[in-house]
Amino acid sequence: KTDFINFISDQEWKSIEPVSSWFGPSSFLMSSMSALFQLSMWIRHCHGYLTENVGIPVWGSYAVFALATLFLGLILGLVSEALEADWLL
């Protein structure tokens, strides 16, 4: 507490360089990190729902997420190829 008060009263904060806009709280990078964290919390919630409420075993929940990941990758790959083919024509 004393160190913080001295930091403010002695104006030591003036000698610290400001955070780059790239790492600022509203930057694209930090917004993306926040979205990834929210996605991971949503996946954790879904895993808990599947194992506790639905009664799927843990390995079954992992299998559901693995299949969903593969399916999403397939869909995104097909969409990417379709868009690329349209752009080349």
PDB file of N, CA and C in Angstrom:
ATOM      1  N   LYS A   1       0.836  -1.185   0.000  1.00  0.00           N
ATOM      2  CA  LYS A   1       0.000   0.000   0.000  1.00  0.00           C
ATOM      3  C   LYS A   1       0.885   1.254   0.000  1.00  0.00           C
ATOM      4  N   THR A   2       1.903   1.230   0.830  1.00  0.00           N
ATOM      5  CA  THR A   2       2.798   2.381   0.934  1.00  0.00           C
ATOM      6  C   THR A   2       3.529   2.618  -0.377  1.00  0.00           C
ATOM      7  N   ASP A   3       3.970   1.540  -1.009  1.00  0.00           N
ATOM      8  CA  ASP A   3       4.666   1.680  -2.296  1.00  0.00           C
ATOM      9  C   ASP A   3       3.752   2.310  -3.348  1.00  0.00           C
ATOM     10  N   PHE A   4       2.483   1.917  -3.348  1.00  0.00           N
ATOM     11  CA  PHE A   4       1.552   2.478  -4.318  1.00  0.00           C
ATOM     12  C   PHE A   4       1.321   3.968  -4.054  1.00  0.00           C
ATOM     13  N   ILE A   5       1.167   4.323  -2.809  1.00  0.00           N
ATOM     14  CA  ILE A   5       0.969   5.739  -2.452  1.00  0.00           C
ATOM     15  C   ILE A   5       2.194   6.553  -2.841  1.00  0.00           C
ATOM     16  N   ASN A   6       3.386   6.024  -2.582  1.00  0.00           N
ATOM     17  CA  ASN A   6       4.620   6.715  -2.982  1.00  0.00           C
ATOM     18  C   ASN A   6       4.732   6.822  -4.501  1.00  0.00           C
ATOM     19  N   PHE A   7       4.306   5.795  -5.182  1.00  0.00           N
ATOM     20  CA  PHE A   7       4.333   5.797  -6.645  1.00  0.00           C
ATOM     21  C   PHE A   7       3.491   6.948  -7.197  1.00  0.00           C
ATOM     22  N   ILE A   8       2.346   7.174  -6.584  1.00  0.00           N
ATOM     23  CA  ILE A   8       1.454   8.245  -7.028  1.00  0.00           C
ATOM     24  C   ILE A   8       1.964   9.614  -6.561  1.00  0.00           C
ATOM     25  N   SER A   9       2.289   9.713  -5.304  1.00  0.00           N
ATOM     26  CA  SER A   9       2.680  11.023  -4.761  1.00  0.00           C
ATOM     27  C   SER A   9       4.014  11.524  -5.320  1.00  0.00           C
ATOM     28  N   ASP A  10       4.953  10.628  -5.589  1.00  0.00           N
ATOM     29  CA  ASP A  10       6.238  11.016  -6.164  1.00  0.00           C
ATOM     30  C   ASP A  10       6.176  11.136  -7.693  1.00  0.00           C
ATOM     31  N   GLN A  11       5.023  10.903  -8.254  1.00  0.00           N
ATOM     32  CA  GLN A  11       4.768  10.969  -9.691  1.00  0.00           C
ATOM     33  C   GLN A  11       5.728  10.086 -10.491  1.00  0.00           C
ATOM     34  N   GLU A  12       6.011   8.919  -9.963  1.00  0.00           N
ATOM     35  CA  GLU A  12       6.857   7.958 -10.668  1.00  0.00           C
ATOM     36  C   GLU A  12       6.161   7.418 -11.912  1.00  0.00           C
ATOM     37  N   TRP A  13       4.843   7.529 -11.950  1.00  0.00           N
ATOM     38  CA  TRP A  13       4.076   7.030 -13.090  1.00  0.00           C
ATOM     39  C   TRP A  13       4.390   7.791 -14.372  1.00  0.00           C
ATOM     40  N   LYS A  14       4.939   8.987 -14.248  1.00  0.00           N
ATOM     41  CA  LYS A  14       5.271   9.773 -15.442  1.00  0.00           C
ATOM     42  C   LYS A  14       6.441   9.165 -16.217  1.00  0.00           C
ATOM     43  N   SER A  15       7.277   8.396 -15.536  1.00  0.00           N
ATOM     44  CA  SER A  15       8.445   7.816 -16.202  1.00  0.00           C
ATOM     45  C   SER A  15       8.120   6.499 -16.918  1.00  0.00           C
ATOM     46  N   ILE A  16       6.907   6.003 -16.784  1.00  0.00           N
ATOM     47  CA  ILE A  16       6.515   4.741 -17.413  1.00  0.00           C
ATOM     48  C   ILE A  16       5.940   5.026 -18.799  1.00  0.00           C
ATOM     49  N   GLU A  17       6.405   4.266 -19.778  1.00  0.00           N
ATOM     50  CA  GLU A  17       5.909   4.434 -21.140  1.00  0.00           C
ATOM     51  C   GLU A  17       4.480   3.906 -21.241  1.00  0.00           C
ATOM     52  N   PRO A  18       3.630   4.583 -21.990  1.00  0.00           N
ATOM     53  CA  PRO A  18       2.259   4.103 -22.146  1.00  0.00           C
ATOM     54  C   PRO A  18       2.217   2.794 -22.931  1.00  0.00           C
ATOM     55  N   VAL A  19       1.159   2.044 -22.721  1.00  0.00           N
ATOM     56  CA  VAL A  19       0.976   0.779 -23.412  1.00  0.00           C
ATOM     57  C   VAL A  19       0.708   1.061 -24.887  1.00  0.00           C
ATOM     58  N   SER A  20       1.328   0.291 -25.736  1.00  0.00           N
ATOM     59  CA  SER A  20       1.114   0.439 -27.173  1.00  0.00           C
ATOM     60  C   SER A  20      -0.357   0.201 -27.503  1.00  0.00           C
ATOM     61  N   SER A  21      -0.838   0.898 -28.527  1.00  0.00           N
ATOM     62  CA  SER A  21      -2.242   0.739 -28.903  1.00  0.00           C
ATOM     63  C   SER A  21      -2.538  -0.689 -29.347  1.00  0.00           C
ATOM     64  N   TRP A  22      -1.511  -1.404 -29.800  1.00  0.00           N
ATOM     65  CA  TRP A  22      -1.676  -2.789 -30.214  1.00  0.00           C
ATOM     66  C   TRP A  22      -2.088  -3.666 -29.034  1.00  0.00           C
ATOM     67  N   PHE A  23      -1.630  -3.339 -27.828  1.00  0.00           N
ATOM     68  CA  PHE A  23      -1.934  -4.128 -26.636  1.00  0.00           C
ATOM     69  C   PHE A  23      -2.970  -3.448 -25.746  1.00  0.00           C
ATOM     70  N   GLY A  24      -3.578  -2.381 -26.209  1.00  0.00           N
ATOM     71  CA  GLY A  24      -4.602  -1.693 -25.436  1.00  0.00           C
ATOM     72  C   GLY A  24      -5.845  -2.557 -25.287  1.00  0.00           C
ATOM     73  N   PRO A  25      -6.663  -2.286 -24.280  1.00  0.00           N
ATOM     74  CA  PRO A  25      -7.846  -3.111 -24.018  1.00  0.00           C
ATOM     75  C   PRO A  25      -8.855  -3.135 -25.162  1.00  0.00           C
ATOM     76  N   SER A  26      -8.902  -2.095 -25.973  1.00  0.00           N
ATOM     77  CA  SER A  26      -9.885  -2.062 -27.056  1.00  0.00           C
ATOM     78  C   SER A  26      -9.282  -2.425 -28.407  1.00  0.00           C
ATOM     79  N   SER A  27      -8.043  -2.906 -28.417  1.00  0.00           N
ATOM     80  CA  SER A  27      -7.400  -3.255 -29.684  1.00  0.00           C
ATOM     81  C   SER A  27      -7.980  -4.552 -30.244  1.00  0.00           C
ATOM     82  N   PHE A  28      -7.723  -4.792 -31.524  1.00  0.00           N
ATOM     83  CA  PHE A  28      -8.193  -6.009 -32.174  1.00  0.00           C
ATOM     84  C   PHE A  28      -7.606  -7.248 -31.500  1.00  0.00           C
ATOM     85  N   LEU A  29      -6.335  -7.188 -31.138  1.00  0.00           N
ATOM     86  CA  LEU A  29      -5.664  -8.322 -30.508  1.00  0.00           C
ATOM     87  C   LEU A  29      -6.324  -8.692 -29.188  1.00  0.00           C
ATOM     88  N   MET A  30      -6.566  -7.705 -28.340  1.00  0.00           N
ATOM     89  CA  MET A  30      -7.165  -7.984 -27.044  1.00  0.00           C
ATOM     90  C   MET A  30      -8.643  -8.383 -27.171  1.00  0.00           C
ATOM     91  N   SER A  31      -9.335  -7.823 -28.141  1.00  0.00           N
ATOM     92  CA  SER A  31     -10.721  -8.221 -28.377  1.00  0.00           C
ATOM     93  C   SER A  31     -10.781  -9.674 -28.837  1.00  0.00           C
ATOM     94  N   SER A  32      -9.819 -10.063 -29.668  1.00  0.00           N
ATOM     95  CA  SER A  32      -9.754 -11.452 -30.127  1.00  0.00           C
ATOM     96  C   SER A  32      -9.447 -12.396 -28.970  1.00  0.00           C
ATOM     97  N   MET A  33      -8.537 -11.991 -28.112  1.00  0.00           N
ATOM     98  CA  MET A  33      -8.216 -12.820 -26.947  1.00  0.00           C
ATOM     99  C   MET A  33      -9.429 -12.968 -26.037  1.00  0.00           C
ATOM    100  N   SER A  34     -10.180 -11.900 -25.874  1.00  0.00           N
ATOM    101  CA  SER A  34     -11.390 -11.947 -25.067  1.00  0.00           C
ATOM    102  C   SER A  34     -12.412 -12.890 -25.679  1.00  0.00           C
ATOM    103  N   ALA A  35     -12.561 -12.839 -26.995  1.00  0.00           N
ATOM    104  CA  ALA A  35     -13.512 -13.729 -27.674  1.00  0.00           C
ATOM    105  C   ALA A  35     -13.101 -15.187 -27.522  1.00  0.00           C
ATOM    106  N   LEU A  36     -11.797 -15.470 -27.610  1.00  0.00           N
ATOM    107  CA  LEU A  36     -11.326 -16.841 -27.418  1.00  0.00           C
ATOM    108  C   LEU A  36     -11.588 -17.318 -25.995  1.00  0.00           C
ATOM    109  N   PHE A  37     -11.386 -16.442 -25.025  1.00  0.00           N
ATOM    110  CA  PHE A  37     -11.653 -16.811 -23.636  1.00  0.00           C
ATOM    111  C   PHE A  37     -13.145 -17.086 -23.441  1.00  0.00           C
ATOM    112  N   GLN A  38     -13.993 -16.239 -24.012  1.00  0.00           N
ATOM    113  CA  GLN A  38     -15.438 -16.458 -23.893  1.00  0.00           C
ATOM    114  C   GLN A  38     -15.850 -17.755 -24.571  1.00  0.00           C
ATOM    115  N   LEU A  39     -15.228 -18.076 -25.715  1.00  0.00           N
ATOM    116  CA  LEU A  39     -15.509 -19.340 -26.389  1.00  0.00           C
ATOM    117  C   LEU A  39     -15.109 -20.520 -25.512  1.00  0.00           C
ATOM    118  N   SER A  40     -13.951 -20.433 -24.883  1.00  0.00           N
ATOM    119  CA  SER A  40     -13.508 -21.533 -24.022  1.00  0.00           C
ATOM    120  C   SER A  40     -14.440 -21.707 -22.824  1.00  0.00           C
ATOM    121  N   MET A  41     -14.958 -20.614 -22.285  1.00  0.00           N
ATOM    122  CA  MET A  41     -15.907 -20.718 -21.169  1.00  0.00           C
ATOM    123  C   MET A  41     -17.233 -21.326 -21.643  1.00  0.00           C
ATOM    124  N   TRP A  42     -17.663 -20.995 -22.870  1.00  0.00           N
ATOM    125  CA  TRP A  42     -18.882 -21.567 -23.421  1.00  0.00           C
ATOM    126  C   TRP A  42     -18.716 -23.069 -23.647  1.00  0.00           C
ATOM    127  N   ILE A  43     -17.547 -23.477 -24.162  1.00  0.00           N
ATOM    128  CA  ILE A  43     -17.272 -24.901 -24.366  1.00  0.00           C
ATOM    129  C   ILE A  43     -17.250 -25.632 -23.034  1.00  0.00           C
ATOM    130  N   ARG A  44     -16.668 -25.024 -22.019  1.00  0.00           N
ATOM    131  CA  ARG A  44     -16.648 -25.630 -20.689  1.00  0.00           C
ATOM    132  C   ARG A  44     -18.064 -25.781 -20.147  1.00  0.00           C
ATOM    133  N   HIS A  45     -18.896 -24.770 -20.359  1.00  0.00           N
ATOM    134  CA  HIS A  45     -20.294 -24.839 -19.922  1.00  0.00           C
ATOM    135  C   HIS A  45     -21.022 -25.969 -20.653  1.00  0.00           C
ATOM    136  N   CYS A  46     -20.810 -26.064 -21.962  1.00  0.00           N
ATOM    137  CA  CYS A  46     -21.445 -27.135 -22.743  1.00  0.00           C
ATOM    138  C   CYS A  46     -20.978 -28.514 -22.278  1.00  0.00           C
ATOM    139  N   HIS A  47     -19.697 -28.642 -21.995  1.00  0.00           N
ATOM    140  CA  HIS A  47     -19.164 -29.919 -21.498  1.00  0.00           C
ATOM    141  C   HIS A  47     -19.826 -30.288 -20.173  1.00  0.00           C
ATOM    142  N   GLY A  48     -19.946 -29.312 -19.283  1.00  0.00           N
ATOM    143  CA  GLY A  48     -20.609 -29.570 -18.008  1.00  0.00           C
ATOM    144  C   GLY A  48     -22.069 -29.966 -18.203  1.00  0.00           C
ATOM    145  N   TYR A  49     -22.750 -29.296 -19.124  1.00  0.00           N
ATOM    146  CA  TYR A  49     -24.149 -29.624 -19.396  1.00  0.00           C
ATOM    147  C   TYR A  49     -24.274 -31.049 -19.943  1.00  0.00           C
ATOM    148  N   LEU A  50     -23.402 -31.393 -20.895  1.00  0.00           N
ATOM    149  CA  LEU A  50     -23.469 -32.723 -21.490  1.00  0.00           C
ATOM    150  C   LEU A  50     -23.177 -33.825 -20.474  1.00  0.00           C
ATOM    151  N   THR A  51     -22.216 -33.604 -19.605  1.00  0.00           N
ATOM    152  CA  THR A  51     -21.839 -34.648 -18.652  1.00  0.00           C
ATOM    153  C   THR A  51     -22.748 -34.697 -17.430  1.00  0.00           C
ATOM    154  N   GLU A  52     -23.204 -33.549 -16.950  1.00  0.00           N
ATOM    155  CA  GLU A  52     -23.997 -33.529 -15.721  1.00  0.00           C
ATOM    156  C   GLU A  52     -25.504 -33.655 -15.973  1.00  0.00           C
ATOM    157  N   ASN A  53     -26.024 -32.916 -16.937  1.00  0.00           N
ATOM    158  CA  ASN A  53     -27.471 -32.901 -17.161  1.00  0.00           C
ATOM    159  C   ASN A  53     -27.927 -33.984 -18.133  1.00  0.00           C
ATOM    160  N   VAL A  54     -27.204 -34.156 -19.222  1.00  0.00           N
ATOM    161  CA  VAL A  54     -27.600 -35.136 -20.231  1.00  0.00           C
ATOM    162  C   VAL A  54     -27.150 -36.535 -19.835  1.00  0.00           C
ATOM    163  N   GLY A  55     -26.039 -36.629 -19.115  1.00  0.00           N
ATOM    164  CA  GLY A  55     -25.546 -37.926 -18.652  1.00  0.00           C
ATOM    165  C   GLY A  55     -24.565 -38.590 -19.598  1.00  0.00           C
ATOM    166  N   ILE A  56     -24.045 -37.861 -20.545  1.00  0.00           N
ATOM    167  CA  ILE A  56     -23.036 -38.410 -21.459  1.00  0.00           C
ATOM    168  C   ILE A  56     -21.727 -38.552 -20.683  1.00  0.00           C
ATOM    169  N   PRO A  57     -21.027 -39.676 -20.851  1.00  0.00           N
ATOM    170  CA  PRO A  57     -19.723 -39.794 -20.175  1.00  0.00           C
ATOM    171  C   PRO A  57     -18.737 -38.767 -20.707  1.00  0.00           C
ATOM    172  N   VAL A  58     -17.698 -38.534 -19.935  1.00  0.00           N
ATOM    173  CA  VAL A  58     -16.707 -37.513 -20.304  1.00  0.00           C
ATOM    174  C   VAL A  58     -16.118 -37.806 -21.676  1.00  0.00           C
ATOM    175  N   TRP A  59     -15.760 -39.057 -21.933  1.00  0.00           N
ATOM    176  CA  TRP A  59     -15.189 -39.406 -23.233  1.00  0.00           C
ATOM    177  C   TRP A  59     -16.189 -39.138 -24.354  1.00  0.00           C
ATOM    178  N   GLY A  60     -17.479 -39.309 -24.079  1.00  0.00           N
ATOM    179  CA  GLY A  60     -18.503 -39.031 -25.075  1.00  0.00           C
ATOM    180  C   GLY A  60     -18.591 -37.548 -25.388  1.00  0.00           C
ATOM    181  N   SER A  61     -18.452 -36.731 -24.345  1.00  0.00           N
ATOM    182  CA  SER A  61     -18.455 -35.283 -24.549  1.00  0.00           C
ATOM    183  C   SER A  61     -17.255 -34.862 -25.389  1.00  0.00           C
ATOM    184  N   TYR A  62     -16.106 -35.445 -25.100  1.00  0.00           N
ATOM    185  CA  TYR A  62     -14.916 -35.148 -25.899  1.00  0.00           C
ATOM    186  C   TYR A  62     -15.124 -35.574 -27.349  1.00  0.00           C
ATOM    187  N   ALA A  63     -15.775 -36.720 -27.548  1.00  0.00           N
ATOM    188  CA  ALA A  63     -16.044 -37.196 -28.907  1.00  0.00           C
ATOM    189  C   ALA A  63     -16.979 -36.243 -29.633  1.00  0.00           C
ATOM    190  N   VAL A  64     -17.987 -35.708 -28.941  1.00  0.00           N
ATOM    191  CA  VAL A  64     -18.907 -34.749 -29.542  1.00  0.00           C
ATOM    192  C   VAL A  64     -18.142 -33.511 -29.993  1.00  0.00           C
ATOM    193  N   PHE A  65     -17.270 -32.986 -29.132  1.00  0.00           N
ATOM    194  CA  PHE A  65     -16.499 -31.791 -29.481  1.00  0.00           C
ATOM    195  C   PHE A  65     -15.499 -32.079 -30.605  1.00  0.00           C
ATOM    196  N   ALA A  66     -14.918 -33.277 -30.611  1.00  0.00           N
ATOM    197  CA  ALA A  66     -13.985 -33.638 -31.684  1.00  0.00           C
ATOM    198  C   ALA A  66     -14.721 -33.710 -33.013  1.00  0.00           C
ATOM    199  N   LEU A  67     -15.888 -34.344 -33.025  1.00  0.00           N
ATOM    200  CA  LEU A  67     -16.668 -34.423 -34.263  1.00  0.00           C
ATOM    201  C   LEU A  67     -17.148 -33.044 -34.716  1.00  0.00           C
ATOM    202  N   ALA A  68     -17.549 -32.205 -33.759  1.00  0.00           N
ATOM    203  CA  ALA A  68     -17.976 -30.846 -34.101  1.00  0.00           C
ATOM    204  C   ALA A  68     -16.815 -30.058 -34.707  1.00  0.00           C
ATOM    205  N   THR A  69     -15.617 -30.235 -34.161  1.00  0.00           N
ATOM    206  CA  THR A  69     -14.437 -29.553 -34.683  1.00  0.00           C
ATOM    207  C   THR A  69     -14.127 -30.022 -36.107  1.00  0.00           C
ATOM    208  N   LEU A  70     -14.188 -31.335 -36.329  1.00  0.00           N
ATOM    209  CA  LEU A  70     -13.941 -31.870 -37.667  1.00  0.00           C
ATOM    210  C   LEU A  70     -14.994 -31.382 -38.659  1.00  0.00           C
ATOM    211  N   PHE A  71     -16.258 -31.388 -38.256  1.00  0.00           N
ATOM    212  CA  PHE A  71     -17.343 -30.945 -39.127  1.00  0.00           C
ATOM    213  C   PHE A  71     -17.200 -29.458 -39.457  1.00  0.00           C
ATOM    214  N   LEU A  72     -16.895 -28.649 -38.444  1.00  0.00           N
ATOM    215  CA  LEU A  72     -16.708 -27.223 -38.673  1.00  0.00           C
ATOM    216  C   LEU A  72     -15.524 -26.963 -39.605  1.00  0.00           C
ATOM    217  N   GLY A  73     -14.442 -27.705 -39.429  1.00  0.00           N
ATOM    218  CA  GLY A  73     -13.294 -27.577 -40.324  1.00  0.00           C
ATOM    219  C   GLY A  73     -13.642 -27.961 -41.746  1.00  0.00           C
ATOM    220  N   LEU A  74     -14.446 -29.005 -41.897  1.00  0.00           N
ATOM    221  CA  LEU A  74     -14.885 -29.427 -43.228  1.00  0.00           C
ATOM    222  C   LEU A  74     -15.726 -28.339 -43.883  1.00  0.00           C
ATOM    223  N   ILE A  75     -16.675 -27.799 -43.140  1.00  0.00           N
ATOM    224  CA  ILE A  75     -17.540 -26.750 -43.672  1.00  0.00           C
ATOM    225  C   ILE A  75     -16.720 -25.510 -44.045  1.00  0.00           C
ATOM    226  N   LEU A  76     -15.849 -25.079 -43.145  1.00  0.00           N
ATOM    227  CA  LEU A  76     -15.025 -23.901 -43.432  1.00  0.00           C
ATOM    228  C   LEU A  76     -14.103 -24.138 -44.628  1.00  0.00           C
ATOM    229  N   GLY A  77     -13.569 -25.343 -44.768  1.00  0.00           N
ATOM    230  CA  GLY A  77     -12.729 -25.669 -45.909  1.00  0.00           C
ATOM    231  C   GLY A  77     -13.511 -25.632 -47.207  1.00  0.00           C
ATOM    232  N   LEU A  78     -14.724 -26.179 -47.187  1.00  0.00           N
ATOM    233  CA  LEU A  78     -15.556 -26.155 -48.389  1.00  0.00           C
ATOM    234  C   LEU A  78     -15.952 -24.730 -48.771  1.00  0.00           C
ATOM    235  N   VAL A  79     -16.310 -23.935 -47.774  1.00  0.00           N
ATOM    236  CA  VAL A  79     -16.664 -22.537 -48.043  1.00  0.00           C
ATOM    237  C   VAL A  79     -15.462 -21.788 -48.578  1.00  0.00           C
ATOM    238  N   SER A  80     -14.308 -22.020 -47.995  1.00  0.00           N
ATOM    239  CA  SER A  80     -13.083 -21.360 -48.452  1.00  0.00           C
ATOM    240  C   SER A  80     -12.773 -21.728 -49.899  1.00  0.00           C
ATOM    241  N   GLU A  81     -12.891 -22.997 -50.243  1.00  0.00           N
ATOM    242  CA  GLU A  81     -12.630 -23.426 -51.614  1.00  0.00           C
ATOM    243  C   GLU A  81     -13.660 -22.861 -52.583  1.00  0.00           C
ATOM    244  N   ALA A  82     -14.911 -22.790 -52.151  1.00  0.00           N
ATOM    245  CA  ALA A  82     -15.960 -22.227 -53.003  1.00  0.00           C
ATOM    246  C   ALA A  82     -15.708 -20.752 -53.263  1.00  0.00           C
ATOM    247  N   LEU A  83     -15.309 -20.023 -52.231  1.00  0.00           N
ATOM    248  CA  LEU A  83     -15.020 -18.603 -52.418  1.00  0.00           C
ATOM    249  C   LEU A  83     -13.795 -18.402 -53.292  1.00  0.00           C
ATOM    250  N   GLU A  84     -12.805 -19.231 -53.114  1.00  0.00           N
ATOM    251  CA  GLU A  84     -11.587 -19.130 -53.917  1.00  0.00           C
ATOM    252  C   GLU A  84     -11.891 -19.432 -55.370  1.00  0.00           C
ATOM    253  N   ALA A  85     -12.722 -20.417 -55.626  1.00  0.00           N
ATOM    254  CA  ALA A  85     -13.087 -20.778 -57.004  1.00  0.00           C
ATOM    255  C   ALA A  85     -13.860 -19.641 -57.653  1.00  0.00           C
ATOM    256  N   ASP A  86     -14.747 -18.985 -56.889  1.00  0.00           N
ATOM    257  CA  ASP A  86     -15.493 -17.843 -57.418  1.00  0.00           C
ATOM    258  C   ASP A  86     -14.566 -16.674 -57.750  1.00  0.00           C
ATOM    259  N   TRP A  87     -13.586 -16.455 -56.922  1.00  0.00           N
ATOM    260  CA  TRP A  87     -12.671 -15.335 -57.134  1.00  0.00           C
ATOM    261  C   TRP A  87     -11.771 -15.558 -58.351  1.00  0.00           C
ATOM    262  N   LEU A  88     -11.464 -16.816 -58.627  1.00  0.00           N
ATOM    263  CA  LEU A  88     -10.573 -17.108 -59.738  1.00  0.00           C
ATOM    264  C   LEU A  88     -11.280 -17.061 -61.082  1.00  0.00           C
ATOM    265  N   LEU A  89     -12.582 -17.227 -61.077  1.00  0.00           N
ATOM    266  CA  LEU A  89     -13.327 -17.238 -62.358  1.00  0.00           C
ATOM    267  C   LEU A  89     -13.529 -15.893 -62.878  1.00  0.00           C
TER     268      LEU A  89
END
